[in-house]
Amino acid sequence: MPQDETLLFVFFTLFILLMLALDLGVFNRKAHAIGVKEATIWSIVWVSLALIFNTGILYFAGAEPALQFFTGYLIEKALSVDNIFVFVLIFSYFGVPQHLQHRILFWGVLGALVMRSIFIAAGAALIQQFDWVFYVFGTILVVSGWKMMRSTGVQVHPEKNLFVQLARKLFPVETGYSSPAFFVRRDGRLHVTSMFLVLITVETTDIIFAVDSIPAIFGITSDPFIVFSSNIFAILGLRSLYFLLAGVMSSFFYLGHGLSVVLMFIGVKMLLADFLHIPVAVSLVVVTGIIGIAVVASLKRKKSVQR
């Protein structure tokens, strides 16, 4: 990679901010329900941008960094699908109208970009300073993967969320969804809306997911820019992917099991790094194979149930 990565981070961040500004300020200026066609188009746009960016890495930096980016992007993209399960439950719990879901996801993704950037910077600094942090990340992935494997299903309990409870104590709550705003003023007093409570729930849930996803990408590469860019591209396509897959998430019965195996594989890879070097190409084949098997098995199960 180029020696002066600071410029890379600056230009990449400016590009991301420009795309987000176009998204909310031009294409989605008015709140509306996102249909399958629009979600498909935006999903193709974000995936295409990631692949074009990957081609740029291949041209300017070589095959190994490009392979690291693609593997990291694939892992983060697959893990982001797990977020969709939770988003469906959160929106259902709060009864969020479909035409307002995009607004919440937009600001949720924006917050996720900020938080994950902080986590990535902290993770890179810790790994550079302390070698043992690499093993801590590996252990986290193995334990998280094992817990996910044994989990009976995704559950959300917004009423137990400490930040939601704190917001309710500090501010009166404007119930309902008559306004897309997160704050309103009534009789000279500031109120938080149901939209804000949903946003808090989405943001804090993403932090929990980041505990798995950030160490996972460090298991592929320690290059901060590749870690950052692959993670960000995966997150940016999450909103359109949500509207594309939200209605069929129940069909991916074995995806959670596949993702748990992926996490454990990367965790073991990190723990054995001093004794066994697993090339990035091998990791890509293994991760792709695991996810592919999980998807195919899920589709076969769906067909057998429908008969």
C-alpha atoms as a PDB file:
ATOM      1  CA  MET A   1       0.000   0.000   0.000  1.00  0.00           C
ATOM      2  CA  PRO A   2       1.151   3.635  -0.494  1.00  0.00           C
ATOM      3  CA  GLN A   3       3.363   4.945   2.281  1.00  0.00           C
ATOM      4  CA  ASP A   4       1.232   7.943   3.123  1.00  0.00           C
ATOM      5  CA  GLU A   5      -1.988   6.229   4.158  1.00  0.00           C
ATOM      6  CA  THR A   6      -3.290   9.396   5.775  1.00  0.00           C
ATOM      7  CA  LEU A   7      -4.260  10.789   2.363  1.00  0.00           C
ATOM      8  CA  LEU A   8      -5.930   7.501   1.507  1.00  0.00           C
ATOM      9  CA  PHE A   9      -8.065   7.692   4.639  1.00  0.00           C
ATOM     10  CA  VAL A  10      -8.942  11.345   3.966  1.00  0.00           C
ATOM     11  CA  PHE A  11      -9.949  10.840   0.332  1.00  0.00           C
ATOM     12  CA  PHE A  12     -11.808   7.627   1.084  1.00  0.00           C
ATOM     13  CA  THR A  13     -13.732   9.296   3.926  1.00  0.00           C
ATOM     14  CA  LEU A  14     -14.614  12.274   1.708  1.00  0.00           C
ATOM     15  CA  PHE A  15     -15.895   9.880  -0.973  1.00  0.00           C
ATOM     16  CA  ILE A  16     -18.056   8.043   1.568  1.00  0.00           C
ATOM     17  CA  LEU A  17     -19.479  11.311   2.913  1.00  0.00           C
ATOM     18  CA  LEU A  18     -20.258  12.431  -0.649  1.00  0.00           C
ATOM     19  CA  MET A  19     -22.114   9.183  -1.363  1.00  0.00           C
ATOM     20  CA  LEU A  20     -24.087   9.479   1.870  1.00  0.00           C
ATOM     21  CA  ALA A  21     -24.975  13.095   1.075  1.00  0.00           C
ATOM     22  CA  LEU A  22     -26.241  12.046  -2.369  1.00  0.00           C
ATOM     23  CA  ASP A  23     -28.163   9.190  -0.805  1.00  0.00           C
ATOM     24  CA  LEU A  24     -30.064  11.221   1.782  1.00  0.00           C
ATOM     25  CA  GLY A  25     -30.011  14.667   0.181  1.00  0.00           C
ATOM     26  CA  VAL A  26     -30.853  13.739  -3.411  1.00  0.00           C
ATOM     27  CA  PHE A  27     -32.138  10.205  -3.943  1.00  0.00           C
ATOM     28  CA  ASN A  28     -33.970   9.766  -0.630  1.00  0.00           C
ATOM     29  CA  ARG A  29     -34.792  13.330   0.325  1.00  0.00           C
ATOM     30  CA  LYS A  30     -38.427  12.404   0.968  1.00  0.00           C
ATOM     31  CA  ALA A  31     -39.345   9.587   3.349  1.00  0.00           C
ATOM     32  CA  HIS A  32     -40.811   6.677   1.406  1.00  0.00           C
ATOM     33  CA  ALA A  33     -41.111   2.929   1.533  1.00  0.00           C
ATOM     34  CA  ILE A  34     -38.192   1.253  -0.238  1.00  0.00           C
ATOM     35  CA  GLY A  35     -39.399  -1.341  -2.729  1.00  0.00           C
ATOM     36  CA  VAL A  36     -37.579  -4.451  -3.922  1.00  0.00           C
ATOM     37  CA  LYS A  37     -36.624  -2.811  -7.238  1.00  0.00           C
ATOM     38  CA  GLU A  38     -35.040   0.233  -5.598  1.00  0.00           C
ATOM     39  CA  ALA A  39     -33.307  -1.931  -2.986  1.00  0.00           C
ATOM     40  CA  THR A  40     -31.913  -4.173  -5.738  1.00  0.00           C
ATOM     41  CA  ILE A  41     -30.558  -1.211  -7.702  1.00  0.00           C
ATOM     42  CA  TRP A  42     -28.845   0.276  -4.647  1.00  0.00           C
ATOM     43  CA  SER A  43     -27.467  -3.124  -3.631  1.00  0.00           C
ATOM     44  CA  ILE A  44     -25.935  -3.477  -7.094  1.00  0.00           C
ATOM     45  CA  VAL A  45     -24.533   0.077  -6.845  1.00  0.00           C
ATOM     46  CA  TRP A  46     -22.806  -0.531  -3.504  1.00  0.00           C
ATOM     47  CA  VAL A  47     -21.446  -3.954  -4.479  1.00  0.00           C
ATOM     48  CA  SER A  48     -20.209  -2.538  -7.800  1.00  0.00           C
ATOM     49  CA  LEU A  49     -18.455   0.341  -6.041  1.00  0.00           C
ATOM     50  CA  ALA A  50     -16.767  -2.128  -3.692  1.00  0.00           C
ATOM     51  CA  LEU A  51     -15.594  -4.271  -6.609  1.00  0.00           C
ATOM     52  CA  ILE A  52     -14.334  -1.218  -8.533  1.00  0.00           C
ATOM     53  CA  PHE A  53     -12.468  -0.135  -5.417  1.00  0.00           C
ATOM     54  CA  ASN A  54     -11.079  -3.676  -5.119  1.00  0.00           C
ATOM     55  CA  THR A  55      -9.877  -3.460  -8.727  1.00  0.00           C
ATOM     56  CA  GLY A  56      -8.123  -0.189  -7.875  1.00  0.00           C
ATOM     57  CA  ILE A  57      -6.311  -1.891  -4.992  1.00  0.00           C
ATOM     58  CA  LEU A  58      -5.282  -4.689  -7.370  1.00  0.00           C
ATOM     59  CA  TYR A  59      -3.902  -2.188  -9.888  1.00  0.00           C
ATOM     60  CA  PHE A  60      -2.089   0.118  -7.465  1.00  0.00           C
ATOM     61  CA  ALA A  61      -1.103  -2.230  -4.623  1.00  0.00           C
ATOM     62  CA  GLY A  62      -1.012  -5.747  -6.034  1.00  0.00           C
ATOM     63  CA  ALA A  63      -2.795  -9.074  -5.762  1.00  0.00           C
ATOM     64  CA  GLU A  64      -2.252  -9.796  -2.055  1.00  0.00           C
ATOM     65  CA  PRO A  65      -3.837  -6.574  -0.695  1.00  0.00           C
ATOM     66  CA  ALA A  66      -6.670  -6.934  -3.240  1.00  0.00           C
ATOM     67  CA  LEU A  67      -7.318 -10.489  -2.058  1.00  0.00           C
ATOM     68  CA  GLN A  68      -7.270  -9.315   1.551  1.00  0.00           C
ATOM     69  CA  PHE A  69      -9.828  -6.611   0.777  1.00  0.00           C
ATOM     70  CA  PHE A  70     -12.139  -8.997  -1.072  1.00  0.00           C
ATOM     71  CA  THR A  71     -11.960 -11.658   1.659  1.00  0.00           C
ATOM     72  CA  GLY A  72     -12.541  -9.076   4.369  1.00  0.00           C
ATOM     73  CA  TYR A  73     -15.425  -7.533   2.440  1.00  0.00           C
ATOM     74  CA  LEU A  74     -17.042 -10.948   1.941  1.00  0.00           C
ATOM     75  CA  ILE A  75     -16.764 -11.777   5.645  1.00  0.00           C
ATOM     76  CA  GLU A  76     -18.122  -8.396   6.740  1.00  0.00           C
ATOM     77  CA  LYS A  77     -20.930  -8.581   4.172  1.00  0.00           C
ATOM     78  CA  ALA A  78     -21.947 -12.033   5.395  1.00  0.00           C
ATOM     79  CA  LEU A  79     -21.821 -10.923   9.030  1.00  0.00           C
ATOM     80  CA  SER A  80     -23.876  -7.824   8.209  1.00  0.00           C
ATOM     81  CA  VAL A  81     -26.697 -10.095   7.046  1.00  0.00           C
ATOM     82  CA  ASP A  82     -26.986 -11.206  10.659  1.00  0.00           C
ATOM     83  CA  ASN A  83     -27.739  -7.561  11.536  1.00  0.00           C
ATOM     84  CA  ILE A  84     -30.802  -7.747   9.317  1.00  0.00           C
ATOM     85  CA  PHE A  85     -32.385 -10.402  11.540  1.00  0.00           C
ATOM     86  CA  VAL A  86     -32.104  -8.002  14.453  1.00  0.00           C
ATOM     87  CA  PHE A  87     -33.309  -4.942  12.512  1.00  0.00           C
ATOM     88  CA  VAL A  88     -36.460  -6.823  11.510  1.00  0.00           C
ATOM     89  CA  LEU A  89     -37.159  -7.637  15.163  1.00  0.00           C
ATOM     90  CA  ILE A  90     -36.408  -4.078  16.336  1.00  0.00           C
ATOM     91  CA  PHE A  91     -38.688  -2.448  13.760  1.00  0.00           C
ATOM     92  CA  SER A  92     -41.398  -4.983  14.530  1.00  0.00           C
ATOM     93  CA  TYR A  93     -41.078  -4.388  18.277  1.00  0.00           C
ATOM     94  CA  PHE A  94     -41.414  -0.607  17.930  1.00  0.00           C
ATOM     95  CA  GLY A  95     -43.950  -0.812  15.087  1.00  0.00           C
ATOM     96  CA  VAL A  96     -41.901   1.468  12.807  1.00  0.00           C
ATOM     97  CA  PRO A  97     -43.768   2.338   9.564  1.00  0.00           C
ATOM     98  CA  GLN A  98     -41.961   1.110   6.465  1.00  0.00           C
ATOM     99  CA  HIS A  99     -41.552   4.579   4.980  1.00  0.00           C
ATOM    100  CA  LEU A 100     -39.536   5.713   8.042  1.00  0.00           C
ATOM    101  CA  GLN A 101     -37.258   2.674   8.294  1.00  0.00           C
ATOM    102  CA  HIS A 102     -34.804   4.010   5.721  1.00  0.00           C
ATOM    103  CA  ARG A 103     -34.253   7.210   7.733  1.00  0.00           C
ATOM    104  CA  ILE A 104     -33.445   5.243  10.883  1.00  0.00           C
ATOM    105  CA  LEU A 105     -31.105   2.916   9.007  1.00  0.00           C
ATOM    106  CA  PHE A 106     -29.356   5.864   7.335  1.00  0.00           C
ATOM    107  CA  TRP A 107     -28.492   7.544  10.629  1.00  0.00           C
ATOM    108  CA  GLY A 108     -27.853   4.157  12.191  1.00  0.00           C
ATOM    109  CA  VAL A 109     -25.305   3.367   9.490  1.00  0.00           C
ATOM    110  CA  LEU A 110     -23.735   6.820   9.875  1.00  0.00           C
ATOM    111  CA  GLY A 111     -23.307   6.205  13.586  1.00  0.00           C
ATOM    112  CA  ALA A 112     -21.955   2.719  12.871  1.00  0.00           C
ATOM    113  CA  LEU A 113     -19.346   4.200  10.519  1.00  0.00           C
ATOM    114  CA  VAL A 114     -18.111   6.513  13.268  1.00  0.00           C
ATOM    115  CA  MET A 115     -18.070   3.844  15.980  1.00  0.00           C
ATOM    116  CA  ARG A 116     -16.421   1.208  13.801  1.00  0.00           C
ATOM    117  CA  SER A 117     -13.794   3.688  12.682  1.00  0.00           C
ATOM    118  CA  ILE A 118     -12.924   4.260  16.342  1.00  0.00           C
ATOM    119  CA  PHE A 119     -12.868   0.506  17.035  1.00  0.00           C
ATOM    120  CA  ILE A 120     -10.657  -0.177  14.009  1.00  0.00           C
ATOM    121  CA  ALA A 121      -8.212   2.580  14.939  1.00  0.00           C
ATOM    122  CA  ALA A 122      -8.066   1.294  18.512  1.00  0.00           C
ATOM    123  CA  GLY A 123      -7.684  -2.311  17.372  1.00  0.00           C
ATOM    124  CA  ALA A 124      -4.873  -1.471  14.942  1.00  0.00           C
ATOM    125  CA  ALA A 125      -3.040   0.549  17.600  1.00  0.00           C
ATOM    126  CA  LEU A 126      -3.377  -2.224  20.180  1.00  0.00           C
ATOM    127  CA  ILE A 127      -2.162  -4.942  17.802  1.00  0.00           C
ATOM    128  CA  GLN A 128       0.811  -2.796  16.794  1.00  0.00           C
ATOM    129  CA  GLN A 129       1.664  -2.100  20.421  1.00  0.00           C
ATOM    130  CA  PHE A 130       0.865  -5.458  22.035  1.00  0.00           C
ATOM    131  CA  ASP A 131       1.245  -8.797  20.213  1.00  0.00           C
ATOM    132  CA  TRP A 132      -0.992 -10.606  22.705  1.00  0.00           C
ATOM    133  CA  VAL A 133      -4.043  -8.573  21.594  1.00  0.00           C
ATOM    134  CA  PHE A 134      -4.080 -10.681  18.423  1.00  0.00           C
ATOM    135  CA  TYR A 135      -4.742 -13.753  20.572  1.00  0.00           C
ATOM    136  CA  VAL A 136      -7.423 -11.925  22.529  1.00  0.00           C
ATOM    137  CA  PHE A 137      -9.228 -11.185  19.254  1.00  0.00           C
ATOM    138  CA  GLY A 138      -8.889 -14.829  18.229  1.00  0.00           C
ATOM    139  CA  THR A 139     -10.361 -15.991  21.527  1.00  0.00           C
ATOM    140  CA  ILE A 140     -13.257 -13.530  21.197  1.00  0.00           C
ATOM    141  CA  LEU A 141     -14.084 -14.937  17.764  1.00  0.00           C
ATOM    142  CA  VAL A 142     -13.963 -18.569  18.889  1.00  0.00           C
ATOM    143  CA  VAL A 143     -16.161 -17.869  21.919  1.00  0.00           C
ATOM    144  CA  SER A 144     -18.588 -15.700  19.899  1.00  0.00           C
ATOM    145  CA  GLY A 145     -18.816 -18.338  17.181  1.00  0.00           C
ATOM    146  CA  TRP A 146     -19.498 -21.070  19.718  1.00  0.00           C
ATOM    147  CA  LYS A 147     -22.206 -18.999  21.433  1.00  0.00           C
ATOM    148  CA  MET A 148     -23.801 -18.237  18.061  1.00  0.00           C
ATOM    149  CA  MET A 149     -23.763 -21.938  17.188  1.00  0.00           C
ATOM    150  CA  ARG A 150     -25.553 -22.844  20.431  1.00  0.00           C
ATOM    151  CA  SER A 151     -27.996 -19.953  20.255  1.00  0.00           C
ATOM    152  CA  THR A 152     -31.654 -20.886  19.853  1.00  0.00           C
ATOM    153  CA  GLY A 153     -32.466 -17.704  17.953  1.00  0.00           C
ATOM    154  CA  VAL A 154     -32.002 -13.950  17.771  1.00  0.00           C
ATOM    155  CA  GLN A 155     -33.788 -11.981  20.480  1.00  0.00           C
ATOM    156  CA  VAL A 156     -34.018  -8.281  21.213  1.00  0.00           C
ATOM    157  CA  HIS A 157     -35.144  -6.647  24.440  1.00  0.00           C
ATOM    158  CA  PRO A 158     -35.212  -2.866  23.888  1.00  0.00           C
ATOM    159  CA  GLU A 159     -36.974  -2.392  27.213  1.00  0.00           C
ATOM    160  CA  LYS A 160     -33.774  -3.642  28.915  1.00  0.00           C
ATOM    161  CA  ASN A 161     -31.483  -1.381  26.878  1.00  0.00           C
ATOM    162  CA  LEU A 162     -29.700   0.932  29.335  1.00  0.00           C
ATOM    163  CA  PHE A 163     -29.478   3.793  26.833  1.00  0.00           C
ATOM    164  CA  VAL A 164     -33.189   3.562  26.010  1.00  0.00           C
ATOM    165  CA  GLN A 165     -33.985   3.561  29.725  1.00  0.00           C
ATOM    166  CA  LEU A 166     -31.726   6.582  30.238  1.00  0.00           C
ATOM    167  CA  ALA A 167     -33.394   8.492  27.380  1.00  0.00           C
ATOM    168  CA  ARG A 168     -36.820   7.797  28.884  1.00  0.00           C
ATOM    169  CA  LYS A 169     -35.661   9.133  32.259  1.00  0.00           C
ATOM    170  CA  LEU A 170     -34.012  12.286  30.913  1.00  0.00           C
ATOM    171  CA  PHE A 171     -36.673  13.285  28.387  1.00  0.00           C
ATOM    172  CA  PRO A 172     -40.415  12.879  27.958  1.00  0.00           C
ATOM    173  CA  VAL A 173     -41.215  10.619  25.018  1.00  0.00           C
ATOM    174  CA  GLU A 174     -43.359  11.670  22.061  1.00  0.00           C
ATOM    175  CA  THR A 175     -45.026   8.406  21.106  1.00  0.00           C
ATOM    176  CA  GLY A 176     -46.191   7.517  17.604  1.00  0.00           C
ATOM    177  CA  TYR A 177     -44.649   8.307  14.246  1.00  0.00           C
ATOM    178  CA  SER A 178     -46.403  11.491  13.168  1.00  0.00           C
ATOM    179  CA  SER A 179     -42.992  13.117  12.619  1.00  0.00           C
ATOM    180  CA  PRO A 180     -39.764  11.677  11.171  1.00  0.00           C
ATOM    181  CA  ALA A 181     -37.767  13.857  13.593  1.00  0.00           C
ATOM    182  CA  PHE A 182     -35.774  12.432  16.485  1.00  0.00           C
ATOM    183  CA  PHE A 183     -36.535  15.405  18.747  1.00  0.00           C
ATOM    184  CA  VAL A 184     -39.595  17.673  19.007  1.00  0.00           C
ATOM    185  CA  ARG A 185     -40.441  20.577  21.260  1.00  0.00           C
ATOM    186  CA  ARG A 186     -43.788  20.571  23.023  1.00  0.00           C
ATOM    187  CA  ASP A 187     -44.859  23.437  25.319  1.00  0.00           C
ATOM    188  CA  GLY A 188     -41.304  24.722  25.416  1.00  0.00           C
ATOM    189  CA  ARG A 189     -39.889  21.367  26.508  1.00  0.00           C
ATOM    190  CA  LEU A 190     -37.688  19.055  24.438  1.00  0.00           C
ATOM    191  CA  HIS A 191     -39.124  15.583  23.810  1.00  0.00           C
ATOM    192  CA  VAL A 192     -37.466  12.519  22.271  1.00  0.00           C
ATOM    193  CA  THR A 193     -39.570  10.631  19.763  1.00  0.00           C
ATOM    194  CA  SER A 194     -40.100   6.925  19.227  1.00  0.00           C
ATOM    195  CA  MET A 195     -37.788   7.331  16.215  1.00  0.00           C
ATOM    196  CA  PHE A 196     -34.955   8.299  18.567  1.00  0.00           C
ATOM    197  CA  LEU A 197     -35.530   5.289  20.812  1.00  0.00           C
ATOM    198  CA  VAL A 198     -35.408   3.008  17.786  1.00  0.00           C
ATOM    199  CA  LEU A 199     -32.193   4.694  16.598  1.00  0.00           C
ATOM    200  CA  ILE A 200     -30.567   4.180  20.009  1.00  0.00           C
ATOM    201  CA  THR A 201     -31.522   0.501  19.913  1.00  0.00           C
ATOM    202  CA  VAL A 202     -30.095   0.075  16.406  1.00  0.00           C
ATOM    203  CA  GLU A 203     -26.845   1.872  17.303  1.00  0.00           C
ATOM    204  CA  THR A 204     -26.197  -0.064  20.508  1.00  0.00           C
ATOM    205  CA  THR A 205     -27.014  -3.344  18.772  1.00  0.00           C
ATOM    206  CA  ASP A 206     -24.454  -2.575  16.069  1.00  0.00           C
ATOM    207  CA  ILE A 207     -21.801  -2.015  18.724  1.00  0.00           C
ATOM    208  CA  ILE A 208     -22.404  -5.568  19.920  1.00  0.00           C
ATOM    209  CA  PHE A 209     -22.050  -6.867  16.355  1.00  0.00           C
ATOM    210  CA  ALA A 210     -18.845  -4.872  15.910  1.00  0.00           C
ATOM    211  CA  VAL A 211     -17.248  -6.872  18.720  1.00  0.00           C
ATOM    212  CA  ASP A 212     -17.350  -9.867  16.347  1.00  0.00           C
ATOM    213  CA  SER A 213     -16.853  -8.221  12.969  1.00  0.00           C
ATOM    214  CA  ILE A 214     -13.852  -5.999  13.756  1.00  0.00           C
ATOM    215  CA  PRO A 215     -11.653  -8.812  15.142  1.00  0.00           C
ATOM    216  CA  ALA A 216     -12.758 -11.000  12.213  1.00  0.00           C
ATOM    217  CA  ILE A 217     -11.301  -8.652   9.603  1.00  0.00           C
ATOM    218  CA  PHE A 218      -8.070  -8.325  11.609  1.00  0.00           C
ATOM    219  CA  GLY A 219      -7.818 -12.089  11.231  1.00  0.00           C
ATOM    220  CA  ILE A 220      -7.396 -11.538   7.481  1.00  0.00           C
ATOM    221  CA  THR A 221      -5.152  -8.476   7.413  1.00  0.00           C
ATOM    222  CA  SER A 222      -3.535  -6.045   9.821  1.00  0.00           C
ATOM    223  CA  ASP A 223      -3.475  -3.211   7.255  1.00  0.00           C
ATOM    224  CA  PRO A 224      -5.679  -0.500   8.856  1.00  0.00           C
ATOM    225  CA  PHE A 225      -6.810   0.942   5.507  1.00  0.00           C
ATOM    226  CA  ILE A 226      -7.962  -2.415   4.125  1.00  0.00           C
ATOM    227  CA  VAL A 227      -9.679  -3.218   7.422  1.00  0.00           C
ATOM    228  CA  PHE A 228     -11.393   0.175   7.376  1.00  0.00           C
ATOM    229  CA  SER A 229     -12.424   0.261   3.716  1.00  0.00           C
ATOM    230  CA  SER A 230     -13.728  -3.331   3.527  1.00  0.00           C
ATOM    231  CA  ASN A 231     -15.750  -2.837   6.707  1.00  0.00           C
ATOM    232  CA  ILE A 232     -17.179   0.487   5.559  1.00  0.00           C
ATOM    233  CA  PHE A 233     -18.216  -0.812   2.130  1.00  0.00           C
ATOM    234  CA  ALA A 234     -20.004  -3.753   3.758  1.00  0.00           C
ATOM    235  CA  ILE A 235     -21.856  -1.443   6.157  1.00  0.00           C
ATOM    236  CA  LEU A 236     -22.819   1.052   3.442  1.00  0.00           C
ATOM    237  CA  GLY A 237     -24.706  -1.626   1.532  1.00  0.00           C
ATOM    238  CA  LEU A 238     -26.531  -2.801   4.641  1.00  0.00           C
ATOM    239  CA  ARG A 239     -29.587  -0.555   4.253  1.00  0.00           C
ATOM    240  CA  SER A 240     -30.401  -1.622   0.693  1.00  0.00           C
ATOM    241  CA  LEU A 241     -29.670  -5.233   1.641  1.00  0.00           C
ATOM    242  CA  TYR A 242     -32.153  -4.928   4.498  1.00  0.00           C
ATOM    243  CA  PHE A 243     -35.001  -3.853   2.217  1.00  0.00           C
ATOM    244  CA  LEU A 244     -34.011  -6.556  -0.266  1.00  0.00           C
ATOM    245  CA  LEU A 245     -33.871  -9.443   2.223  1.00  0.00           C
ATOM    246  CA  ALA A 246     -36.038  -8.426   5.199  1.00  0.00           C
ATOM    247  CA  GLY A 247     -39.034 -10.345   3.902  1.00  0.00           C
ATOM    248  CA  VAL A 248     -37.147 -13.583   3.292  1.00  0.00           C
ATOM    249  CA  MET A 249     -34.737 -13.693   6.237  1.00  0.00           C
ATOM    250  CA  SER A 250     -36.580 -16.680   7.726  1.00  0.00           C
ATOM    251  CA  SER A 251     -35.524 -18.674   4.658  1.00  0.00           C
ATOM    252  CA  PHE A 252     -31.838 -18.503   5.659  1.00  0.00           C
ATOM    253  CA  PHE A 253     -32.237 -21.003   8.475  1.00  0.00           C
ATOM    254  CA  TYR A 254     -28.638 -22.243   8.511  1.00  0.00           C
ATOM    255  CA  LEU A 255     -26.905 -18.939   7.785  1.00  0.00           C
ATOM    256  CA  GLY A 256     -26.336 -18.231  11.474  1.00  0.00           C
ATOM    257  CA  HIS A 257     -24.696 -21.641  11.848  1.00  0.00           C
ATOM    258  CA  GLY A 258     -22.477 -20.922   8.843  1.00  0.00           C
ATOM    259  CA  LEU A 259     -21.435 -17.543  10.221  1.00  0.00           C
ATOM    260  CA  SER A 260     -20.599 -19.121  13.574  1.00  0.00           C
ATOM    261  CA  VAL A 261     -18.274 -21.584  11.827  1.00  0.00           C
ATOM    262  CA  VAL A 262     -16.680 -18.687   9.920  1.00  0.00           C
ATOM    263  CA  LEU A 263     -16.007 -16.811  13.167  1.00  0.00           C
ATOM    264  CA  MET A 264     -14.510 -19.893  14.809  1.00  0.00           C
ATOM    265  CA  PHE A 265     -12.359 -20.626  11.761  1.00  0.00           C
ATOM    266  CA  ILE A 266     -10.893 -17.106  11.730  1.00  0.00           C
ATOM    267  CA  GLY A 267     -10.454 -17.212  15.514  1.00  0.00           C
ATOM    268  CA  VAL A 268      -8.516 -20.482  15.325  1.00  0.00           C
ATOM    269  CA  LYS A 269      -6.507 -19.051  12.406  1.00  0.00           C
ATOM    270  CA  MET A 270      -5.479 -16.115  14.608  1.00  0.00           C
ATOM    271  CA  LEU A 271      -4.631 -18.328  17.593  1.00  0.00           C
ATOM    272  CA  LEU A 272      -2.447 -20.611  15.461  1.00  0.00           C
ATOM    273  CA  ALA A 273      -0.780 -17.819  13.481  1.00  0.00           C
ATOM    274  CA  ASP A 274       2.645 -18.431  15.068  1.00  0.00           C
ATOM    275  CA  PHE A 275       2.516 -22.154  14.269  1.00  0.00           C
ATOM    276  CA  LEU A 276       0.467 -22.407  11.076  1.00  0.00           C
ATOM    277  CA  HIS A 277       0.236 -19.838   8.301  1.00  0.00           C
ATOM    278  CA  ILE A 278      -3.043 -20.016   6.383  1.00  0.00           C
ATOM    279  CA  PRO A 279      -2.806 -17.967   3.157  1.00  0.00           C
ATOM    280  CA  VAL A 280      -5.521 -15.404   2.451  1.00  0.00           C
ATOM    281  CA  ALA A 281      -6.528 -17.345  -0.685  1.00  0.00           C
ATOM    282  CA  VAL A 282      -7.205 -20.439   1.426  1.00  0.00           C
ATOM    283  CA  SER A 283      -9.209 -18.364   3.907  1.00  0.00           C
ATOM    284  CA  LEU A 284     -11.279 -16.958   1.030  1.00  0.00           C
ATOM    285  CA  VAL A 285     -12.049 -20.460  -0.275  1.00  0.00           C
ATOM    286  CA  VAL A 286     -12.988 -21.717   3.198  1.00  0.00           C
ATOM    287  CA  VAL A 287     -15.198 -18.723   4.034  1.00  0.00           C
ATOM    288  CA  THR A 288     -16.917 -18.806   0.625  1.00  0.00           C
ATOM    289  CA  GLY A 289     -17.463 -22.559   0.940  1.00  0.00           C
ATOM    290  CA  ILE A 290     -18.955 -22.319   4.439  1.00  0.00           C
ATOM    291  CA  ILE A 291     -21.344 -19.516   3.520  1.00  0.00           C
ATOM    292  CA  GLY A 292     -22.285 -21.239   0.257  1.00  0.00           C
ATOM    293  CA  ILE A 293     -23.063 -24.518   2.015  1.00  0.00           C
ATOM    294  CA  ALA A 294     -25.172 -22.685   4.622  1.00  0.00           C
ATOM    295  CA  VAL A 295     -27.201 -20.882   1.943  1.00  0.00           C
ATOM    296  CA  VAL A 296     -27.738 -24.017  -0.175  1.00  0.00           C
ATOM    297  CA  ALA A 297     -28.726 -26.057   2.891  1.00  0.00           C
ATOM    298  CA  SER A 298     -31.188 -23.312   3.898  1.00  0.00           C
ATOM    299  CA  LEU A 299     -32.809 -23.270   0.440  1.00  0.00           C
ATOM    300  CA  LYS A 300     -33.098 -27.071   0.429  1.00  0.00           C
ATOM    301  CA  ARG A 301     -34.709 -26.983   3.865  1.00  0.00           C
ATOM    302  CA  LYS A 302     -37.180 -24.366   2.665  1.00  0.00           C
ATOM    303  CA  LYS A 303     -38.168 -26.549  -0.298  1.00  0.00           C
ATOM    304  CA  SER A 304     -38.656 -29.608   1.909  1.00  0.00           C
ATOM    305  CA  VAL A 305     -40.853 -27.610   4.310  1.00  0.00           C
ATOM    306  CA  GLN A 306     -43.002 -26.277   1.467  1.00  0.00           C
ATOM    307  CA  ARG A 307     -43.752 -29.778   0.147  1.00  0.00           C
END
